């Protein structure tokens, strides 16, 4: 259930593949994203080391 404070299981992973996603900025009246991401394709031409970490890179600077 969304919004509760139950403890969730966590599985740490080592990124191997890069996926291209399409974000949807549609927000409902409560400020919640309706459809946050859609999978587009795997990017086999890009390695995990080539992708900037969250909050870094050109996309973060333009935000």
N, C-alpha and C. Protein backbone atom coordinates (compact mmCIF):
# COMPACT_ATOMS: atom_id res chain seq x y z
N UNK A 1 0.85 -1.18 0.00
CA UNK A 1 0.00 0.00 0.00
C UNK A 1 0.89 1.25 0.00
N UNK A 2 0.55 2.21 -0.83
CA UNK A 2 1.33 3.44 -0.91
C UNK A 2 1.10 4.29 0.34
N UNK A 3 2.15 4.91 0.82
CA UNK A 3 2.03 5.87 1.89
C UNK A 3 2.10 5.29 3.29
N UNK A 4 2.25 3.97 3.42
CA UNK A 4 2.37 3.44 4.78
C UNK A 4 3.83 3.43 5.20
N UNK A 5 4.10 3.06 6.42
CA UNK A 5 5.47 3.09 6.94
C UNK A 5 6.01 1.69 7.21
N UNK A 6 5.49 0.69 6.51
CA UNK A 6 5.99 -0.67 6.68
C UNK A 6 7.44 -0.75 6.22
N UNK A 7 8.21 -1.61 6.87
CA UNK A 7 9.59 -1.84 6.48
C UNK A 7 9.58 -2.69 5.21
N UNK A 8 10.34 -2.26 4.20
CA UNK A 8 10.39 -2.96 2.93
C UNK A 8 11.70 -3.73 2.81
N UNK A 9 11.66 -4.86 2.13
CA UNK A 9 12.88 -5.60 1.83
C UNK A 9 13.68 -4.84 0.78
N UNK A 10 15.00 -4.90 0.89
CA UNK A 10 15.88 -4.21 -0.05
C UNK A 10 16.86 -5.21 -0.64
N UNK A 11 17.04 -5.13 -1.95
CA UNK A 11 18.04 -5.95 -2.63
C UNK A 11 18.97 -5.02 -3.38
N UNK A 12 20.23 -4.97 -2.97
CA UNK A 12 21.21 -4.13 -3.65
C UNK A 12 21.69 -4.87 -4.89
N UNK A 13 21.85 -4.14 -5.97
CA UNK A 13 22.27 -4.74 -7.23
C UNK A 13 23.45 -3.97 -7.80
N UNK A 14 24.20 -4.62 -8.67
CA UNK A 14 25.28 -3.97 -9.40
C UNK A 14 24.77 -3.74 -10.82
N UNK A 15 24.66 -2.48 -11.27
CA UNK A 15 24.10 -2.22 -12.60
C UNK A 15 24.97 -2.81 -13.70
N UNK A 16 24.33 -3.48 -14.64
CA UNK A 16 25.03 -4.08 -15.76
C UNK A 16 24.47 -3.54 -17.08
N UNK A 17 23.15 -3.44 -17.17
CA UNK A 17 22.50 -2.98 -18.39
C UNK A 17 21.99 -1.56 -18.22
N UNK A 18 21.88 -0.85 -19.34
CA UNK A 18 21.32 0.51 -19.35
C UNK A 18 20.00 0.46 -20.11
N UNK A 19 18.97 1.00 -19.52
CA UNK A 19 17.66 1.06 -20.16
C UNK A 19 17.29 2.50 -20.43
N UNK A 20 16.68 2.74 -21.57
CA UNK A 20 16.16 4.07 -21.90
C UNK A 20 14.69 4.09 -21.47
N UNK A 21 14.31 5.13 -20.74
CA UNK A 21 12.94 5.26 -20.27
C UNK A 21 12.37 6.60 -20.71
N UNK A 22 11.05 6.68 -20.73
CA UNK A 22 10.37 7.91 -21.08
C UNK A 22 9.57 8.38 -19.87
N UNK A 23 9.97 9.51 -19.27
CA UNK A 23 9.22 9.98 -18.10
C UNK A 23 7.93 10.68 -18.52
N UNK A 24 6.90 10.55 -17.70
CA UNK A 24 5.62 11.22 -17.91
C UNK A 24 5.45 12.21 -16.77
N UNK A 25 5.30 13.46 -17.10
CA UNK A 25 5.20 14.48 -16.05
C UNK A 25 3.78 14.77 -15.63
N UNK A 26 2.84 13.90 -16.01
CA UNK A 26 1.45 14.10 -15.62
C UNK A 26 1.32 13.93 -14.10
N UNK A 27 0.79 14.94 -13.44
CA UNK A 27 0.64 14.93 -11.99
C UNK A 27 -0.84 15.11 -11.66
N UNK A 28 -1.33 14.30 -10.71
CA UNK A 28 -2.74 14.44 -10.34
C UNK A 28 -2.91 15.59 -9.35
N UNK A 29 -4.13 15.81 -8.89
CA UNK A 29 -4.42 16.95 -8.00
C UNK A 29 -3.72 16.85 -6.66
N UNK A 30 -3.32 15.63 -6.27
CA UNK A 30 -2.61 15.44 -5.01
C UNK A 30 -1.11 15.59 -5.14
N UNK A 31 -0.62 15.89 -6.37
CA UNK A 31 0.80 16.07 -6.59
C UNK A 31 1.55 14.78 -6.84
N UNK A 32 0.83 13.70 -7.14
CA UNK A 32 1.44 12.39 -7.37
C UNK A 32 1.57 12.14 -8.87
N UNK A 33 2.76 11.67 -9.30
CA UNK A 33 2.94 11.32 -10.70
C UNK A 33 2.02 10.16 -11.05
N UNK A 34 1.26 10.29 -12.14
CA UNK A 34 0.33 9.24 -12.54
C UNK A 34 1.03 8.09 -13.22
N UNK A 35 1.93 8.35 -14.14
CA UNK A 35 2.65 7.32 -14.89
C UNK A 35 4.12 7.72 -14.92
N UNK A 36 4.87 7.46 -13.84
CA UNK A 36 6.22 8.00 -13.74
C UNK A 36 7.18 7.64 -14.87
N UNK A 37 7.27 6.37 -15.29
CA UNK A 37 8.23 5.96 -16.30
C UNK A 37 7.65 4.91 -17.23
N UNK A 38 8.11 4.95 -18.48
CA UNK A 38 7.78 3.88 -19.43
C UNK A 38 9.09 3.37 -20.02
N UNK A 39 9.26 2.06 -20.00
CA UNK A 39 10.43 1.44 -20.59
C UNK A 39 10.40 1.64 -22.10
N UNK A 40 11.52 2.09 -22.70
CA UNK A 40 11.61 2.26 -24.14
C UNK A 40 12.41 1.13 -24.79
N UNK A 41 13.67 0.96 -24.33
CA UNK A 41 14.53 -0.07 -24.91
C UNK A 41 15.79 -0.22 -24.07
N UNK A 42 16.46 -1.35 -24.25
CA UNK A 42 17.78 -1.52 -23.66
C UNK A 42 18.78 -0.81 -24.54
N UNK A 43 19.75 -0.15 -23.94
CA UNK A 43 20.80 0.55 -24.67
C UNK A 43 22.08 -0.28 -24.59
N UNK A 44 22.21 -1.24 -25.50
CA UNK A 44 23.37 -2.12 -25.52
C UNK A 44 24.63 -1.41 -25.99
N UNK A 45 24.47 -0.19 -26.56
CA UNK A 45 25.60 0.61 -27.00
C UNK A 45 26.20 1.48 -25.90
N UNK A 46 25.60 1.46 -24.71
CA UNK A 46 26.03 2.28 -23.59
C UNK A 46 26.26 1.37 -22.39
N UNK A 47 27.38 1.59 -21.71
CA UNK A 47 27.67 0.83 -20.50
C UNK A 47 27.22 1.58 -19.26
N UNK A 48 27.06 0.86 -18.16
CA UNK A 48 26.62 1.48 -16.91
C UNK A 48 27.59 2.57 -16.45
N UNK A 49 28.89 2.40 -16.73
CA UNK A 49 29.88 3.40 -16.32
C UNK A 49 29.76 4.70 -17.12
N UNK A 50 29.09 4.65 -18.29
CA UNK A 50 28.93 5.84 -19.14
C UNK A 50 27.78 6.73 -18.69
N UNK A 51 26.92 6.24 -17.82
CA UNK A 51 25.73 6.98 -17.40
C UNK A 51 26.04 7.78 -16.14
N UNK A 52 25.76 9.10 -16.14
CA UNK A 52 26.02 9.89 -14.93
C UNK A 52 25.16 9.41 -13.77
N UNK A 53 25.68 9.53 -12.58
CA UNK A 53 24.91 9.15 -11.39
C UNK A 53 23.78 10.14 -11.18
N UNK A 54 22.77 9.75 -10.43
CA UNK A 54 21.61 10.58 -10.17
C UNK A 54 22.06 11.92 -9.58
N UNK A 55 21.56 13.01 -10.18
CA UNK A 55 21.91 14.35 -9.70
C UNK A 55 23.17 14.92 -10.33
N UNK A 56 23.81 14.17 -11.22
CA UNK A 56 25.03 14.64 -11.90
C UNK A 56 24.76 14.73 -13.40
N UNK A 57 25.62 15.39 -14.12
CA UNK A 57 25.52 15.45 -15.56
C UNK A 57 24.66 16.61 -16.07
N UNK A 58 24.52 16.67 -17.41
CA UNK A 58 23.81 17.77 -18.06
C UNK A 58 22.34 17.85 -17.69
N UNK A 59 21.67 16.72 -17.55
CA UNK A 59 20.23 16.72 -17.23
C UNK A 59 19.99 17.35 -15.85
N UNK A 60 20.85 17.08 -14.90
CA UNK A 60 20.70 17.66 -13.57
C UNK A 60 20.93 19.16 -13.60
N UNK A 61 21.87 19.61 -14.40
CA UNK A 61 22.20 21.04 -14.48
C UNK A 61 21.07 21.84 -15.13
N UNK A 62 20.32 21.21 -16.04
CA UNK A 62 19.25 21.92 -16.73
C UNK A 62 17.94 21.90 -15.96
N UNK A 63 17.86 21.05 -14.89
CA UNK A 63 16.63 20.84 -14.13
C UNK A 63 16.15 22.03 -13.45
